[in-house]
Protein backbone atom coordinates (compact mmCIF):
# COMPACT_ATOMS: atom_id res chain seq x y z
CA UNK A 1 16.54 19.60 8.86
CA UNK A 2 18.44 17.50 11.39
CA UNK A 3 22.14 18.32 11.34
CA UNK A 4 24.54 15.58 10.31
CA UNK A 5 26.09 15.52 13.77
CA UNK A 6 22.68 15.05 15.36
CA UNK A 7 21.97 12.19 12.97
CA UNK A 8 25.26 10.47 13.92
CA UNK A 9 24.48 10.88 17.57
CA UNK A 10 21.01 9.44 17.13
CA UNK A 11 22.29 6.52 15.14
CA UNK A 12 25.09 5.89 17.59
CA UNK A 13 22.60 5.62 20.44
CA UNK A 14 20.43 3.19 18.53
CA UNK A 15 20.92 -0.49 19.09
CA UNK A 16 23.48 -1.73 16.59
CA UNK A 17 22.30 -4.74 14.71
CA UNK A 18 24.79 -7.55 14.30
CA UNK A 19 25.69 -8.08 10.69
CA UNK A 20 24.90 -11.51 9.39
CA UNK A 21 27.82 -12.67 7.28
CA UNK A 22 26.77 -13.80 3.86
CA UNK A 23 28.43 -17.11 3.19
CA UNK A 24 29.67 -18.38 -0.11
CA UNK A 25 27.79 -21.62 -0.62
CA UNK A 26 28.78 -22.96 -4.05
CA UNK A 27 25.19 -23.94 -4.77
CA UNK A 28 24.53 -25.49 -1.35
CA UNK A 29 23.07 -23.99 1.83
CA UNK A 30 25.65 -23.38 4.59
CA UNK A 31 26.65 -26.64 6.23
CA UNK A 32 25.07 -28.67 3.40
CA UNK A 33 28.11 -29.00 1.09
CA UNK A 34 28.37 -32.41 -0.50
CA UNK A 35 30.08 -34.82 1.83
CA UNK A 36 33.04 -37.04 0.99
CA UNK A 37 36.17 -35.04 0.41
CA UNK A 38 36.06 -35.94 -3.28
CA UNK A 39 35.69 -33.37 -6.00
CA UNK A 40 32.71 -31.02 -5.96
CA UNK A 41 30.53 -31.23 -9.08
CA UNK A 42 31.14 -28.38 -11.48
CA UNK A 43 28.54 -25.68 -11.10
CA UNK A 44 26.14 -25.09 -13.90
CA UNK A 45 26.68 -22.10 -16.17
CA UNK A 46 24.14 -19.79 -14.46
CA UNK A 47 25.71 -20.42 -11.07
CA UNK A 48 29.15 -19.82 -12.47
CA UNK A 49 28.02 -16.57 -13.94
CA UNK A 50 26.44 -15.63 -10.63
CA UNK A 51 29.59 -16.33 -8.59
CA UNK A 52 31.20 -12.88 -9.27
CA UNK A 53 27.82 -11.31 -8.43
CA UNK A 54 27.76 -13.06 -5.07
CA UNK A 55 31.42 -12.20 -4.56
CA UNK A 56 30.56 -8.51 -5.13
CA UNK A 57 27.92 -8.74 -2.45
CA UNK A 58 30.48 -9.92 0.06
CA UNK A 59 32.88 -7.52 1.73
CA UNK A 60 36.36 -7.50 0.32
CA UNK A 61 39.40 -8.86 2.05
CA UNK A 62 37.55 -11.69 3.82
CA UNK A 63 35.92 -9.22 6.29
CA UNK A 64 32.19 -9.14 5.50
CA UNK A 65 31.38 -7.31 8.73
CA UNK A 66 33.27 -4.26 7.48
CA UNK A 67 30.91 -3.80 4.56
CA UNK A 68 27.74 -5.08 6.23
CA UNK A 69 27.71 -2.85 9.32
CA UNK A 70 24.05 -2.13 10.05
CA UNK A 71 22.42 0.35 12.41
CA UNK A 72 18.99 1.80 13.06
CA UNK A 73 18.39 5.52 12.83
CA UNK A 74 15.94 7.33 15.08
CA UNK A 75 14.88 9.43 12.11
CA UNK A 76 13.10 6.39 10.70
CA UNK A 77 10.21 6.94 13.13
CA UNK A 78 9.73 10.57 12.01
CA UNK A 79 9.89 9.57 8.33
CA UNK A 80 7.24 6.89 8.92
CA UNK A 81 4.99 9.26 10.92
CA UNK A 82 5.08 12.08 8.34
CA UNK A 83 4.48 9.71 5.44
CA UNK A 84 1.56 8.05 7.24
CA UNK A 85 -0.02 11.48 7.90
CA UNK A 86 0.05 12.79 4.35
CA UNK A 87 -1.03 9.40 3.05
CA UNK A 88 -3.93 9.71 5.51
CA UNK A 89 -4.97 13.08 4.04
CA UNK A 90 -4.79 11.70 0.49
CA UNK A 91 -7.07 8.75 1.36
CA UNK A 92 -9.46 11.10 3.16
CA UNK A 93 -9.80 13.16 -0.03
CA UNK A 94 -10.46 9.96 -2.03
CA UNK A 95 -13.52 8.85 -0.02
CA UNK A 96 -14.96 12.22 1.12
CA UNK A 97 -17.27 12.44 -1.92
CA UNK A 98 -18.45 8.86 -2.08
CA UNK A 99 -19.61 8.66 1.50
CA UNK A 100 -21.77 11.72 0.81
CA UNK A 101 -22.77 10.67 -2.70
CA UNK A 102 -26.42 11.76 -2.30
CA UNK A 103 -25.37 15.09 -0.75
CA UNK A 104 -22.84 16.01 -3.47
CA UNK A 105 -25.14 14.73 -6.24
CA UNK A 106 -27.77 17.20 -5.02
CA UNK A 107 -25.24 20.05 -4.46
CA UNK A 108 -23.66 19.85 -7.88
CA UNK A 109 -26.82 18.72 -9.67
CA UNK A 110 -25.22 15.64 -11.18
CA UNK A 111 -25.95 11.90 -11.23
CA UNK A 112 -24.65 9.26 -8.79
CA UNK A 113 -22.41 7.92 -11.56
CA UNK A 114 -20.69 11.29 -11.86
CA UNK A 115 -20.10 11.31 -8.11
CA UNK A 116 -18.73 7.77 -8.36
CA UNK A 117 -16.18 9.09 -10.88
CA UNK A 118 -14.81 11.40 -8.16
CA UNK A 119 -13.63 8.17 -6.51
CA UNK A 120 -12.78 6.25 -9.65
CA UNK A 121 -10.52 9.03 -10.95
CA UNK A 122 -8.01 7.85 -8.33
CA UNK A 123 -7.95 4.47 -9.99
CA UNK A 124 -7.96 5.78 -13.58
CA UNK A 125 -5.03 8.15 -13.00
CA UNK A 126 -2.91 5.48 -11.34
CA UNK A 127 -2.76 3.01 -14.19
CA UNK A 128 -0.99 5.12 -16.91
CA UNK A 129 1.19 7.00 -14.42
CA UNK A 130 2.54 4.16 -12.30
CA UNK A 131 5.48 3.28 -14.57
CA UNK A 132 6.74 6.90 -14.80
CA UNK A 133 6.25 7.22 -11.03
CA UNK A 134 8.23 4.08 -10.20
CA UNK A 135 10.95 5.12 -12.64
CA UNK A 136 11.15 8.47 -10.84
CA UNK A 137 11.39 6.71 -7.46
CA UNK A 138 14.24 4.54 -8.70
CA UNK A 139 16.05 7.23 -10.68
CA UNK A 140 15.52 10.31 -8.46
CA UNK A 141 15.00 8.72 -5.09
CA UNK A 142 12.67 8.60 -2.11
CA UNK A 143 12.84 12.25 -1.01
CA UNK A 144 11.76 13.81 -4.33
CA UNK A 145 8.95 11.27 -4.74
CA UNK A 146 7.68 11.97 -1.26
CA UNK A 147 7.76 15.74 -1.88
CA UNK A 148 5.77 15.35 -5.12
CA UNK A 149 3.13 13.25 -3.38
CA UNK A 150 2.71 15.66 -0.47
CA UNK A 151 2.87 18.77 -2.71
CA UNK A 152 0.28 17.60 -5.27
CA UNK A 153 -1.93 16.45 -2.39
CA UNK A 154 -1.93 19.99 -0.96
CA UNK A 155 -2.48 21.60 -4.43
CA UNK A 156 -5.52 19.43 -5.08
CA UNK A 157 -6.94 20.33 -1.67
CA UNK A 158 -6.66 24.09 -2.39
CA UNK A 159 -8.26 23.69 -5.85
CA UNK A 160 -11.29 22.09 -4.21
CA UNK A 161 -11.78 25.29 -2.18
CA UNK A 162 -12.55 27.01 -5.48
CA UNK A 163 -15.34 24.54 -6.33
CA UNK A 164 -17.79 25.66 -3.66
CA UNK A 165 -20.73 26.37 -5.96
CA UNK A 166 -23.34 24.12 -7.55
CA UNK A 167 -22.13 24.79 -11.10
CA UNK A 168 -18.51 23.83 -10.43
CA UNK A 169 -18.52 20.05 -10.71
CA UNK A 170 -15.83 20.15 -13.45
CA UNK A 171 -13.49 22.07 -11.15
CA UNK A 172 -13.93 19.69 -8.23
CA UNK A 173 -13.35 16.79 -10.64
CA UNK A 174 -10.10 18.46 -11.84
CA UNK A 175 -9.02 19.04 -8.23
CA UNK A 176 -9.73 15.40 -7.38
CA UNK A 177 -7.64 14.39 -10.44
CA UNK A 178 -4.68 16.32 -9.00
CA UNK A 179 -5.09 14.41 -5.73
CA UNK A 180 -5.30 11.20 -7.76
CA UNK A 181 -1.94 11.98 -9.34
CA UNK A 182 -0.52 12.62 -5.85
CA UNK A 183 -1.70 9.17 -4.87
CA UNK A 184 0.57 7.66 -7.60
CA UNK A 185 3.59 9.02 -5.65
CA UNK A 186 2.20 7.73 -2.33
CA UNK A 187 0.83 4.18 -2.63
CA UNK A 188 4.12 2.58 -3.71
CA UNK A 189 6.22 3.98 -0.84
CA UNK A 190 5.28 1.82 2.23
CA UNK A 191 7.44 -1.13 1.30
CA UNK A 192 10.33 1.14 0.10
CA UNK A 193 10.28 3.16 3.33
CA UNK A 194 10.11 -0.02 5.44
CA UNK A 195 13.02 -1.69 3.58
CA UNK A 196 15.30 1.37 3.41
CA UNK A 197 14.78 2.61 6.97
CA UNK A 198 13.83 -0.40 9.16
CA UNK A 199 15.58 -3.53 10.37
CA UNK A 200 14.68 -7.17 9.56
CA UNK A 201 12.67 -7.68 12.79
CA UNK A 202 10.49 -4.64 12.25
CA UNK A 203 10.22 -4.25 8.49
CA UNK A 204 6.79 -5.89 8.11
CA UNK A 205 5.41 -3.94 11.02
CA UNK A 206 6.74 -0.73 9.59
CA UNK A 207 5.11 -1.48 6.23
CA UNK A 208 1.85 -2.22 8.02
CA UNK A 209 2.03 1.11 9.88
CA UNK A 210 2.74 2.97 6.58
CA UNK A 211 -0.29 1.33 5.01
CA UNK A 212 -2.19 2.04 8.23
CA UNK A 213 -2.01 5.78 7.55
CA UNK A 214 -3.89 5.33 4.27
CA UNK A 215 -6.47 3.13 5.96
CA UNK A 216 -6.91 5.64 8.81
CA UNK A 217 -7.53 8.37 6.22
CA UNK A 218 -10.26 6.24 4.68
CA UNK A 219 -11.71 5.66 8.17
CA UNK A 220 -11.81 9.40 8.89
CA UNK A 221 -13.24 9.91 5.42
CA UNK A 222 -16.11 7.66 6.38
CA UNK A 223 -16.67 9.27 9.75
CA UNK A 224 -16.01 13.05 9.46
CA UNK A 225 -17.77 14.22 6.20
CA UNK A 226 -21.25 13.03 7.27
CA UNK A 227 -20.82 14.93 10.53
CA UNK A 228 -19.43 18.12 8.91
CA UNK A 229 -21.83 18.13 5.96
CA UNK A 230 -25.34 17.02 6.94
CA UNK A 231 -27.84 16.69 4.11
CA UNK A 232 -29.71 20.01 3.88
CA UNK A 233 -31.32 19.88 0.41
CA UNK A 234 -33.52 22.89 1.14
CA UNK A 235 -30.63 25.18 2.10
CA UNK A 236 -27.86 25.07 -0.51
CA UNK A 237 -26.01 28.02 1.08
CA UNK A 238 -25.73 26.18 4.37
CA UNK A 239 -24.54 23.11 2.51
CA UNK A 240 -21.87 25.14 0.72
CA UNK A 241 -20.72 26.61 4.04
CA UNK A 242 -20.42 23.14 5.60
CA UNK A 243 -18.49 21.81 2.56
CA UNK A 244 -16.13 24.80 2.77
CA UNK A 245 -15.22 23.92 6.39
CA UNK A 246 -14.20 20.44 5.21
CA UNK A 247 -12.32 21.64 2.11
CA UNK A 248 -10.37 24.45 3.80
CA UNK A 249 -9.48 22.32 6.81
CA UNK A 250 -8.11 19.63 4.49
CA UNK A 251 -6.06 22.18 2.53
CA UNK A 252 -4.45 23.68 5.62
CA UNK A 253 -3.50 20.29 7.10
CA UNK A 254 -2.08 19.01 3.75
CA UNK A 255 0.01 22.16 3.32
CA UNK A 256 1.51 21.76 6.77
CA UNK A 257 2.37 18.14 6.03
CA UNK A 258 4.09 19.19 2.76
CA UNK A 259 6.48 21.41 4.70
CA UNK A 260 7.08 18.71 7.29
CA UNK A 261 7.97 16.29 4.46
CA UNK A 262 10.62 18.69 3.30
CA UNK A 263 12.12 18.87 6.79
CA UNK A 264 11.99 15.24 7.80
CA UNK A 265 12.55 13.12 4.67
CA UNK A 266 16.06 12.01 3.69
CA UNK A 267 17.00 9.68 0.87
CA UNK A 268 18.26 6.98 3.21
CA UNK A 269 19.88 6.59 6.65
CA UNK A 270 23.65 6.93 7.07
CA UNK A 271 24.00 3.21 7.81
CA UNK A 272 21.89 0.43 6.17
CA UNK A 273 19.38 -1.05 8.59
CA UNK A 274 19.69 -4.65 7.41
CA UNK A 275 22.10 -7.03 5.60
CA UNK A 276 19.77 -7.09 2.59
CA UNK A 277 19.99 -3.33 2.25
CA UNK A 278 23.73 -3.41 2.78
CA UNK A 279 24.05 -5.88 -0.10
CA UNK A 280 22.00 -3.64 -2.40
CA UNK A 281 24.07 -0.59 -1.47
CA UNK A 282 27.24 -2.34 -2.63
CA UNK A 283 25.88 -2.36 -6.19
CA UNK A 284 27.00 0.59 -8.30
CA UNK A 285 24.05 2.69 -9.54
CA UNK A 286 25.10 2.29 -13.18
CA UNK A 287 24.45 -1.45 -12.89
CA UNK A 288 20.72 -0.81 -12.37
CA UNK A 289 18.31 -0.98 -15.33
CA UNK A 290 14.70 -0.02 -14.77
CA UNK A 291 13.64 -1.71 -18.00
CA UNK A 292 15.40 -4.94 -17.06
CA UNK A 293 13.84 -4.81 -13.59
CA UNK A 294 10.38 -4.65 -15.13
CA UNK A 295 11.23 -7.56 -17.40
CA UNK A 296 12.48 -9.62 -14.46
CA UNK A 297 9.28 -8.98 -12.51
CA UNK A 298 7.08 -10.09 -15.38
CA UNK A 299 9.18 -13.23 -15.78
CA UNK A 300 8.62 -14.06 -12.10
CA UNK A 301 5.64 -16.48 -12.11
CA UNK A 302 4.94 -16.24 -8.35
CA UNK A 303 4.87 -12.46 -8.65
CA UNK A 304 2.41 -12.56 -11.56
CA UNK A 305 0.10 -14.80 -9.53
CA UNK A 306 0.39 -12.37 -6.60
CA UNK A 307 -0.15 -9.41 -8.96
CA UNK A 308 -3.53 -10.78 -10.07
CA UNK A 309 -4.68 -12.02 -6.64
CA UNK A 310 -3.67 -8.73 -4.91
CA UNK A 311 -5.54 -6.79 -7.63
CA UNK A 312 -8.69 -8.83 -7.03
CA UNK A 313 -8.70 -8.40 -3.26
CA UNK A 314 -7.79 -4.71 -3.18
CA UNK A 315 -10.02 -3.87 -6.11
CA UNK A 316 -12.90 -5.48 -4.25
CA UNK A 317 -12.13 -3.36 -1.20
CA UNK A 318 -12.08 -0.21 -3.33
CA UNK A 319 -15.42 -1.13 -4.88
CA UNK A 320 -17.06 -1.91 -1.50
CA UNK A 321 -15.76 1.39 -0.06
CA UNK A 322 -16.99 3.44 -3.02
CA UNK A 323 -20.47 1.92 -3.04
CA UNK A 324 -20.97 1.48 0.71
CA UNK A 325 -23.20 4.56 1.00
CA UNK A 326 -25.47 3.32 -1.78
CA UNK A 327 -25.65 -0.20 -0.32
CA UNK A 328 -26.58 1.06 3.16
CA UNK A 329 -29.08 3.73 2.03
CA UNK A 330 -30.83 1.15 -0.23
CA UNK A 331 -31.84 -0.91 2.80
CA UNK A 332 -31.77 1.80 5.52
CA UNK A 333 -33.15 5.01 4.11
CA UNK A 334 -31.85 8.23 5.70
CA UNK A 335 -28.95 6.51 7.47
CA UNK A 336 -26.11 8.45 5.79
CA UNK A 337 -24.36 9.09 9.09
CA UNK A 338 -24.55 5.39 10.08
CA UNK A 339 -23.27 4.46 6.60
CA UNK A 340 -20.19 6.49 7.41
CA UNK A 341 -19.89 4.86 10.81
CA UNK A 342 -20.09 1.41 9.23
CA UNK A 343 -17.32 2.42 6.85
CA UNK A 344 -15.31 3.64 9.84
CA UNK A 345 -15.87 0.30 11.59
CA UNK A 346 -14.75 -1.59 8.49
CA UNK A 347 -11.51 0.40 8.12
CA UNK A 348 -10.65 0.59 11.84
CA UNK A 349 -11.04 -3.18 12.14
CA UNK A 350 -8.76 -3.47 9.07
CA UNK A 351 -6.14 -1.23 10.71
CA UNK A 352 -6.07 -3.60 13.67
CA UNK A 353 -5.79 -6.50 11.24
CA UNK A 354 -2.90 -4.81 9.42
CA UNK A 355 -0.88 -4.32 12.57
CA UNK A 356 -1.55 -7.87 13.81
CA UNK A 357 -0.54 -9.29 10.43
CA UNK A 358 2.60 -7.14 10.32
CA UNK A 359 3.69 -8.27 13.76
CA UNK A 360 2.88 -11.86 12.88
CA UNK A 361 5.05 -11.73 9.74
CA UNK A 362 7.98 -10.20 11.59
CA UNK A 363 7.70 -13.01 14.19
CA UNK A 364 7.04 -16.03 11.95
CA UNK A 365 8.02 -15.08 8.32
CA UNK A 366 5.09 -17.28 7.18
CA UNK A 367 4.22 -15.04 4.27
CA UNK A 368 2.31 -17.43 2.02
CA UNK A 369 0.42 -19.20 4.81
CA UNK A 370 -0.68 -15.92 6.37
CA UNK A 371 -1.64 -14.38 3.02
CA UNK A 372 -3.71 -17.43 2.01
CA UNK A 373 -5.44 -17.64 5.40
CA UNK A 374 -6.43 -13.95 5.36
CA UNK A 375 -7.66 -14.32 1.78
CA UNK A 376 -9.97 -17.23 2.69
CA UNK A 377 -11.29 -15.44 5.77
CA UNK A 378 -11.92 -12.31 3.67
CA UNK A 379 -14.04 -14.45 1.32
CA UNK A 380 -16.07 -15.81 4.22
CA UNK A 381 -16.43 -12.31 5.67
CA UNK A 382 -17.81 -10.90 2.41
CA UNK A 383 -20.28 -13.79 2.13
CA UNK A 384 -21.58 -13.15 5.63
CA UNK A 385 -21.76 -9.37 5.03
CA UNK A 386 -23.67 -9.95 1.74
CA UNK A 387 -26.40 -12.15 3.23
CA UNK A 388 -26.88 -10.11 6.42
CA UNK A 389 -26.98 -6.66 4.83
CA UNK A 390 -30.75 -6.61 4.49
CA UNK A 391 -31.77 -8.22 7.82
CA UNK A 392 -33.13 -4.87 9.08
CA UNK A 393 -30.77 -4.45 12.01
CA UNK A 394 -27.90 -1.98 11.60
CA UNK A 395 -26.00 -3.48 14.54
CA UNK A 396 -25.63 -6.72 12.50
CA UNK A 397 -24.21 -4.74 9.58
CA UNK A 398 -21.76 -3.05 11.95
CA UNK A 399 -20.50 -6.40 13.18
CA UNK A 400 -20.26 -8.10 9.80
CA UNK A 401 -18.67 -4.99 8.29
CA UNK A 402 -16.03 -5.01 11.02
CA UNK A 403 -15.21 -8.68 10.41
CA UNK A 404 -14.98 -8.06 6.68
CA UNK A 405 -12.73 -5.03 7.19
CA UNK A 406 -10.44 -6.85 9.61
CA UNK A 407 -9.44 -9.38 6.98
CA UNK A 408 -9.91 -7.57 3.70
CA UNK A 409 -8.05 -4.38 4.75
CA UNK A 410 -5.58 -6.34 6.84
CA UNK A 411 -4.49 -8.08 3.63
CA UNK A 412 -3.05 -4.92 2.02
CA UNK A 413 0.40 -4.86 3.77
CA UNK A 414 0.66 -8.64 3.46
CA UNK A 415 0.65 -8.36 -0.31
CA UNK A 416 3.33 -5.65 -0.32
CA UNK A 417 5.67 -7.57 1.91
CA UNK A 418 5.12 -10.88 0.19
CA UNK A 419 5.96 -9.19 -3.14
CA UNK A 420 9.21 -7.73 -1.79
CA UNK A 421 10.22 -11.15 -0.49
CA UNK A 422 9.66 -13.09 -3.70
CA UNK A 423 11.12 -10.39 -5.99
CA UNK A 424 14.25 -9.34 -4.04
CA UNK A 425 16.58 -7.74 -5.09
CA UNK A 426 14.29 -5.85 -7.48
CA UNK A 427 13.09 -2.42 -6.38
CA UNK A 428 10.36 -2.43 -3.71
CA UNK A 429 8.83 0.65 -5.28
CA UNK A 430 8.45 -1.06 -8.69
CA UNK A 431 6.82 -4.26 -7.28
CA UNK A 432 4.50 -2.25 -5.06
CA UNK A 433 3.63 0.10 -7.88
CA UNK A 434 2.66 -2.79 -10.14
CA UNK A 435 0.57 -4.31 -7.35
CA UNK A 436 -1.27 -1.02 -6.92
CA UNK A 437 -1.77 -0.65 -10.69
CA UNK A 438 -3.39 -4.09 -10.71
CA UNK A 439 -5.59 -3.00 -7.80
CA UNK A 440 -6.69 0.16 -9.60
CA UNK A 441 -7.58 -1.74 -12.79
CA UNK A 442 -9.66 -4.31 -10.89
CA UNK A 443 -11.11 -1.52 -8.74
CA UNK A 444 -12.37 0.38 -11.79
CA UNK A 445 -13.96 -2.76 -13.33
CA UNK A 446 -15.45 -3.97 -10.04
CA UNK A 447 -16.90 -0.53 -9.15
CA UNK A 448 -18.54 -0.10 -12.52
CA UNK A 449 -19.95 -3.62 -12.63
CA UNK A 450 -20.97 -3.78 -8.97
CA UNK A 451 -22.50 -0.33 -9.21
CA UNK A 452 -24.53 -1.41 -12.22
CA UNK A 453 -25.67 -4.62 -10.50
CA UNK A 454 -26.55 -2.69 -7.31
CA UNK A 455 -28.57 -0.09 -9.20
CA UNK A 456 -30.38 -2.50 -11.59
CA UNK A 457 -30.89 -5.43 -9.20
CA UNK A 458 -29.73 -5.16 -5.57
CA UNK A 459 -26.61 -4.75 -3.39
CA UNK A 460 -26.62 -8.56 -2.92
CA UNK A 461 -26.13 -9.16 -6.64
CA UNK A 462 -23.15 -6.79 -6.70
CA UNK A 463 -21.56 -8.42 -3.62
CA UNK A 464 -22.02 -11.97 -4.99
CA UNK A 465 -20.17 -10.81 -8.10
CA UNK A 466 -17.20 -9.78 -5.84
CA UNK A 467 -17.37 -13.07 -3.89
CA UNK A 468 -16.91 -15.05 -7.13
CA UNK A 469 -13.77 -13.11 -8.01
CA UNK A 470 -12.32 -13.38 -4.52
CA UNK A 471 -12.74 -17.18 -4.76
CA UNK A 472 -10.60 -17.05 -7.92
CA UNK A 473 -8.03 -15.05 -5.93
CA UNK A 474 -7.88 -17.82 -3.34
CA UNK A 475 -6.93 -20.37 -5.96
CA UNK A 476 -4.24 -18.11 -7.42
CA UNK A 477 -2.74 -17.41 -3.98
CA UNK A 478 -2.56 -21.12 -3.22
CA UNK A 479 -0.47 -21.59 -6.37
CA UNK A 480 2.22 -19.05 -5.43
CA UNK A 481 5.60 -20.57 -4.70
CA UNK A 482 6.97 -19.07 -1.48
CA UNK A 483 10.62 -18.16 -2.17
CA UNK A 484 11.65 -15.77 0.62
CA UNK A 485 14.74 -14.24 -1.03
CA UNK A 486 15.13 -11.17 1.19
CA UNK A 487 14.68 -13.22 4.34
CA UNK A 488 17.36 -15.65 3.16
CA UNK A 489 19.87 -12.84 2.71
CA UNK A 490 19.04 -11.33 6.12
CA UNK A 491 19.48 -14.83 7.60
CA UNK A 492 22.98 -15.15 6.08
CA UNK A 493 22.00 -17.52 3.25
CA UNK A 494 23.42 -16.60 -0.14
CA UNK A 495 21.57 -18.24 -2.99
CA UNK A 496 23.67 -17.83 -6.13
CA UNK A 497 20.57 -17.92 -8.34
CA UNK A 498 19.30 -14.65 -6.80
CA UNK A 499 21.14 -11.83 -8.50
CA UNK A 500 20.70 -8.09 -8.48
CA UNK A 501 19.94 -6.53 -11.84
């Protein structure tokens, strides 16, 4: 644990961010007050009620800079790195069965559907647990939530080490369920970590990097298992030995990351990193109501539209990732290793897309335009992937998979950050958690339906089903009203209609 003095020294050496004074605007933007020195029109009742709220956000005594002092802490980089790493391991454990679906089906003596459930259990566990998890994040804080995620991740990995026998499918399913519960305490944290620890000019990039860890874990999950566990149906003992290398290695790494989480994670930095965080920290904790926050989010029409469109896109990505092995092996028999490499290409391209989108948002703040553009390009990418999957040349599938991944996976941090902007000052963890719950619900439905279509008809039929839904998502995204509330506060604009709970 870094000593307090060390933390102060690190923060003192960081570049201090000038505090943007939040101006009292009486219903008008700064500099836009009604001209003509006559009387100002009386504000409406909601604005009048909001005035004390805005006043509370301002520093007392006419000195806003005293309350809104902002600095960046060096610890933020360590927090981001450790979170990204244990998120990586959790994502690796999600996909490690699906990319070897034929291998594990033979090893445990079960059907492909039962192997698919080792992936879908992540989605099933998320939906009922997300509200308790977001309540815990808001009530008990970032550090406890992070420790739960890392700890359950390590526990599930060790339980898998006990399932190294053909008759132990129920144990490996139970172990995967523990990892799925860990995921509930992981997926909602990127936007919270970015907002609490990073400044306005780096918050979107930080969120993209936090999401990047999960994507990198999926990429390694596509690449490493086919290399570690080749298909040896005539030698079950050798197969069990190879699986044990993967399981024990994962358990050791996840345990190390659990201890690092305890050392590195703090609830928040000593100084707020941005004016929007400084405003939130002036609010007394007893003023916060988790129930009211949920109600406010479901009354927010732009957020509801984003909730559905994000669920469609991310659910489609989950479905494609889960069924990729089956799609590739259907047209290219015996190409399990290349199926993993195609998955790796898809996710690595998406990681590049995530970083580029994060940097672009920090530079332009064009949240809706960027989100809509990436959505449309994802739709085009899936169409191209669908109709080139069976051309007989794997190199074509590598290229089209990379294009699809660049846009589809690159969309994930865009949705998180757009949600934080249009729902500020509600909790980032709650909005992100609801987005992920929507993604899990759509992921379950899409995986079941696409899997059925792929098995009964062809991979093309399943992919066309996803294309139709993504087109619906494009329409919903176009209808979202872009109200960048957090950006307005960071820019020094106080809108009296935006109130903390």
